[in-house]
């Protein structure tokens, strides 16, 4: 019985010696946040012919990441990010261009956008009458 008590005391002291410094750092509180934190802005764009996303087959898809720097497979990532920032990330608020003339051809195109803009979930779907109207609806965001 005495050996068991000795072993228990020895193991208790060894555990305190080994784990004591670790517990001290855990009690010190949270470390300051790194200076590189940013709200994520990463979107996936798809386009396909059809009236709704449920019935259209996606033909193209691109990614767009705007924070910390513009990147992704979008062909004009920097311009698209600048345009989205100017609109406050609201895809519905993007202004149509006045310098583009489109035909009246009805060949519906559906654009979907899924992802996160400045930490907020984004889910967007819009049907345009044709690709020209889609491209004219924003300077570079939907040009992919």
C-alpha atoms as a PDB file:
ATOM      1  CA  UNK A   1       0.000   0.000   0.000  1.00  0.00           C
ATOM      2  CA  UNK A   2       2.897   2.334   0.813  1.00  0.00           C
ATOM      3  CA  UNK A   3       4.410   1.710  -2.650  1.00  0.00           C
ATOM      4  CA  UNK A   4       1.101   2.557  -4.300  1.00  0.00           C
ATOM      5  CA  UNK A   5       0.865   5.842  -2.390  1.00  0.00           C
ATOM      6  CA  UNK A   6       4.485   6.673  -3.302  1.00  0.00           C
ATOM      7  CA  UNK A   7       3.859   5.941  -6.990  1.00  0.00           C
ATOM      8  CA  UNK A   8       0.669   8.021  -6.969  1.00  0.00           C
ATOM      9  CA  UNK A   9       2.500  10.960  -5.369  1.00  0.00           C
ATOM     10  CA  UNK A  10       5.408  10.643  -7.808  1.00  0.00           C
ATOM     11  CA  UNK A  11       3.088  10.508 -10.835  1.00  0.00           C
ATOM     12  CA  UNK A  12       1.078  13.463  -9.504  1.00  0.00           C
ATOM     13  CA  UNK A  13       4.226  15.562  -9.048  1.00  0.00           C
ATOM     14  CA  UNK A  14       5.554  14.540 -12.476  1.00  0.00           C
ATOM     15  CA  UNK A  15       2.247  15.442 -14.132  1.00  0.00           C
ATOM     16  CA  UNK A  16       2.243  18.815 -12.362  1.00  0.00           C
ATOM     17  CA  UNK A  17       5.821  19.498 -13.417  1.00  0.00           C
ATOM     18  CA  UNK A  18       5.157  18.574 -17.051  1.00  0.00           C
ATOM     19  CA  UNK A  19       1.665  20.037 -17.476  1.00  0.00           C
ATOM     20  CA  UNK A  20       1.975  22.988 -15.111  1.00  0.00           C
ATOM     21  CA  UNK A  21       3.670  25.325 -17.600  1.00  0.00           C
ATOM     22  CA  UNK A  22       1.112  24.379 -20.248  1.00  0.00           C
ATOM     23  CA  UNK A  23      -1.781  25.222 -17.946  1.00  0.00           C
ATOM     24  CA  UNK A  24      -0.180  28.574 -17.139  1.00  0.00           C
ATOM     25  CA  UNK A  25      -0.238  29.651 -20.785  1.00  0.00           C
ATOM     26  CA  UNK A  26      -3.829  28.532 -21.175  1.00  0.00           C
ATOM     27  CA  UNK A  27      -4.840  30.759 -18.280  1.00  0.00           C
ATOM     28  CA  UNK A  28      -2.984  33.767 -19.663  1.00  0.00           C
ATOM     29  CA  UNK A  29      -5.930  34.685 -21.891  1.00  0.00           C
ATOM     30  CA  UNK A  30      -6.340  34.933 -25.622  1.00  0.00           C
ATOM     31  CA  UNK A  31      -3.445  36.122 -27.692  1.00  0.00           C
ATOM     32  CA  UNK A  32      -3.918  39.313 -29.706  1.00  0.00           C
ATOM     33  CA  UNK A  33      -5.439  38.883 -33.151  1.00  0.00           C
ATOM     34  CA  UNK A  34      -2.996  38.866 -36.041  1.00  0.00           C
ATOM     35  CA  UNK A  35      -2.958  41.974 -38.221  1.00  0.00           C
ATOM     36  CA  UNK A  36      -3.781  39.896 -41.325  1.00  0.00           C
ATOM     37  CA  UNK A  37      -7.374  39.002 -40.403  1.00  0.00           C
ATOM     38  CA  UNK A  38      -9.971  39.927 -43.007  1.00  0.00           C
ATOM     39  CA  UNK A  39     -13.577  39.119 -43.735  1.00  0.00           C
ATOM     40  CA  UNK A  40     -13.638  36.466 -46.454  1.00  0.00           C
ATOM     41  CA  UNK A  41     -14.978  37.360 -49.888  1.00  0.00           C
ATOM     42  CA  UNK A  42     -15.021  34.303 -52.143  1.00  0.00           C
ATOM     43  CA  UNK A  43     -17.687  33.659 -54.768  1.00  0.00           C
ATOM     44  CA  UNK A  44     -18.467  30.993 -57.374  1.00  0.00           C
ATOM     45  CA  UNK A  45     -20.217  32.215 -60.529  1.00  0.00           C
ATOM     46  CA  UNK A  46     -22.010  29.892 -62.959  1.00  0.00           C
ATOM     47  CA  UNK A  47     -23.801  30.644 -66.212  1.00  0.00           C
ATOM     48  CA  UNK A  48     -26.042  28.429 -68.301  1.00  0.00           C
ATOM     49  CA  UNK A  49     -28.804  28.684 -70.877  1.00  0.00           C
ATOM     50  CA  UNK A  50     -32.314  28.296 -69.490  1.00  0.00           C
ATOM     51  CA  UNK A  51     -35.010  30.119 -67.588  1.00  0.00           C
ATOM     52  CA  UNK A  52     -34.050  29.012 -64.060  1.00  0.00           C
ATOM     53  CA  UNK A  53     -30.974  27.536 -62.442  1.00  0.00           C
ATOM     54  CA  UNK A  54     -32.950  24.373 -61.724  1.00  0.00           C
ATOM     55  CA  UNK A  55     -33.589  23.748 -65.433  1.00  0.00           C
ATOM     56  CA  UNK A  56     -30.389  25.208 -66.924  1.00  0.00           C
ATOM     57  CA  UNK A  57     -27.227  23.207 -67.390  1.00  0.00           C
ATOM     58  CA  UNK A  58     -24.189  25.160 -66.196  1.00  0.00           C
ATOM     59  CA  UNK A  59     -21.883  25.906 -69.127  1.00  0.00           C
ATOM     60  CA  UNK A  60     -19.173  27.935 -67.419  1.00  0.00           C
ATOM     61  CA  UNK A  61     -18.086  28.489 -63.860  1.00  0.00           C
ATOM     62  CA  UNK A  62     -15.467  30.786 -62.373  1.00  0.00           C
ATOM     63  CA  UNK A  63     -14.248  31.626 -58.903  1.00  0.00           C
ATOM     64  CA  UNK A  64     -13.600  35.099 -57.559  1.00  0.00           C
ATOM     65  CA  UNK A  65     -11.789  35.866 -54.327  1.00  0.00           C
ATOM     66  CA  UNK A  66     -11.569  39.527 -53.347  1.00  0.00           C
ATOM     67  CA  UNK A  67      -9.899  39.428 -49.939  1.00  0.00           C
ATOM     68  CA  UNK A  68      -7.068  39.737 -49.128  1.00  0.00           C
ATOM     69  CA  UNK A  69      -6.261  40.287 -52.818  1.00  0.00           C
ATOM     70  CA  UNK A  70      -8.252  39.744 -56.028  1.00  0.00           C
ATOM     71  CA  UNK A  71      -7.701  36.263 -57.420  1.00  0.00           C
ATOM     72  CA  UNK A  72      -9.485  33.238 -58.812  1.00  0.00           C
ATOM     73  CA  UNK A  73     -10.324  31.974 -62.271  1.00  0.00           C
ATOM     74  CA  UNK A  74     -12.428  35.046 -63.137  1.00  0.00           C
ATOM     75  CA  UNK A  75     -10.751  36.680 -66.194  1.00  0.00           C
ATOM     76  CA  UNK A  76     -11.047  40.214 -64.737  1.00  0.00           C
ATOM     77  CA  UNK A  77     -10.726  39.530 -61.010  1.00  0.00           C
ATOM     78  CA  UNK A  78      -9.408  42.982 -60.025  1.00  0.00           C
ATOM     79  CA  UNK A  79     -12.074  44.870 -61.969  1.00  0.00           C
ATOM     80  CA  UNK A  80     -14.857  42.568 -60.770  1.00  0.00           C
ATOM     81  CA  UNK A  81     -13.797  42.979 -57.125  1.00  0.00           C
ATOM     82  CA  UNK A  82     -13.652  46.764 -57.506  1.00  0.00           C
ATOM     83  CA  UNK A  83     -17.113  46.772 -59.073  1.00  0.00           C
ATOM     84  CA  UNK A  84     -18.542  44.600 -56.290  1.00  0.00           C
ATOM     85  CA  UNK A  85     -16.949  46.783 -53.603  1.00  0.00           C
ATOM     86  CA  UNK A  86     -18.497  49.883 -55.205  1.00  0.00           C
ATOM     87  CA  UNK A  87     -21.911  48.161 -55.063  1.00  0.00           C
ATOM     88  CA  UNK A  88     -21.381  47.109 -51.449  1.00  0.00           C
ATOM     89  CA  UNK A  89     -21.385  43.453 -52.514  1.00  0.00           C
ATOM     90  CA  UNK A  90     -25.009  43.738 -53.668  1.00  0.00           C
ATOM     91  CA  UNK A  91     -25.178  41.963 -57.023  1.00  0.00           C
ATOM     92  CA  UNK A  92     -28.704  43.253 -57.652  1.00  0.00           C
ATOM     93  CA  UNK A  93     -27.417  46.835 -57.361  1.00  0.00           C
ATOM     94  CA  UNK A  94     -24.988  46.507 -60.277  1.00  0.00           C
ATOM     95  CA  UNK A  95     -25.814  49.124 -62.907  1.00  0.00           C
ATOM     96  CA  UNK A  96     -26.361  48.280 -66.572  1.00  0.00           C
ATOM     97  CA  UNK A  97     -23.935  49.858 -69.015  1.00  0.00           C
ATOM     98  CA  UNK A  98     -25.333  52.531 -71.327  1.00  0.00           C
ATOM     99  CA  UNK A  99     -22.754  52.062 -74.090  1.00  0.00           C
ATOM    100  CA  UNK A 100     -23.891  48.551 -75.136  1.00  0.00           C
ATOM    101  CA  UNK A 101     -26.645  47.838 -77.652  1.00  0.00           C
ATOM    102  CA  UNK A 102     -28.184  44.358 -77.527  1.00  0.00           C
ATOM    103  CA  UNK A 103     -30.594  42.567 -79.833  1.00  0.00           C
ATOM    104  CA  UNK A 104     -34.096  41.578 -78.799  1.00  0.00           C
ATOM    105  CA  UNK A 105     -33.243  37.901 -79.271  1.00  0.00           C
ATOM    106  CA  UNK A 106     -34.691  35.739 -76.501  1.00  0.00           C
ATOM    107  CA  UNK A 107     -32.171  33.104 -75.527  1.00  0.00           C
ATOM    108  CA  UNK A 108     -32.362  33.123 -71.708  1.00  0.00           C
ATOM    109  CA  UNK A 109     -29.179  32.903 -69.683  1.00  0.00           C
ATOM    110  CA  UNK A 110     -29.116  32.181 -65.936  1.00  0.00           C
ATOM    111  CA  UNK A 111     -26.343  33.432 -63.678  1.00  0.00           C
ATOM    112  CA  UNK A 112     -25.910  32.064 -60.175  1.00  0.00           C
ATOM    113  CA  UNK A 113     -23.532  33.286 -57.512  1.00  0.00           C
ATOM    114  CA  UNK A 114     -22.832  31.356 -54.317  1.00  0.00           C
ATOM    115  CA  UNK A 115     -20.310  32.110 -51.620  1.00  0.00           C
ATOM    116  CA  UNK A 116     -19.372  34.701 -49.039  1.00  0.00           C
ATOM    117  CA  UNK A 117     -18.982  38.456 -49.366  1.00  0.00           C
ATOM    118  CA  UNK A 118     -17.206  40.167 -46.441  1.00  0.00           C
ATOM    119  CA  UNK A 119     -18.222  37.339 -44.147  1.00  0.00           C
ATOM    120  CA  UNK A 120     -21.906  37.261 -45.194  1.00  0.00           C
ATOM    121  CA  UNK A 121     -23.491  34.401 -47.136  1.00  0.00           C
ATOM    122  CA  UNK A 122     -24.403  35.195 -50.753  1.00  0.00           C
ATOM    123  CA  UNK A 123     -26.938  33.303 -52.844  1.00  0.00           C
ATOM    124  CA  UNK A 124     -27.948  35.057 -56.069  1.00  0.00           C
ATOM    125  CA  UNK A 125     -29.759  33.974 -59.219  1.00  0.00           C
ATOM    126  CA  UNK A 126     -30.787  36.120 -62.164  1.00  0.00           C
ATOM    127  CA  UNK A 127     -32.120  35.321 -65.620  1.00  0.00           C
ATOM    128  CA  UNK A 128     -31.144  37.597 -68.524  1.00  0.00           C
ATOM    129  CA  UNK A 129     -32.864  37.580 -71.913  1.00  0.00           C
ATOM    130  CA  UNK A 130     -29.545  36.793 -73.675  1.00  0.00           C
ATOM    131  CA  UNK A 131     -25.772  36.868 -73.136  1.00  0.00           C
ATOM    132  CA  UNK A 132     -25.396  40.414 -74.453  1.00  0.00           C
ATOM    133  CA  UNK A 133     -27.812  41.713 -71.823  1.00  0.00           C
ATOM    134  CA  UNK A 134     -25.959  39.713 -69.160  1.00  0.00           C
ATOM    135  CA  UNK A 135     -22.597  41.183 -70.166  1.00  0.00           C
ATOM    136  CA  UNK A 136     -24.063  44.688 -70.319  1.00  0.00           C
ATOM    137  CA  UNK A 137     -25.616  44.409 -66.863  1.00  0.00           C
ATOM    138  CA  UNK A 138     -22.273  44.963 -65.179  1.00  0.00           C
ATOM    139  CA  UNK A 139     -18.927  46.187 -66.424  1.00  0.00           C
ATOM    140  CA  UNK A 140     -16.875  43.099 -65.592  1.00  0.00           C
ATOM    141  CA  UNK A 141     -18.571  40.995 -62.887  1.00  0.00           C
ATOM    142  CA  UNK A 142     -20.583  38.830 -65.303  1.00  0.00           C
ATOM    143  CA  UNK A 143     -18.039  38.939 -68.141  1.00  0.00           C
ATOM    144  CA  UNK A 144     -16.566  35.462 -67.942  1.00  0.00           C
END
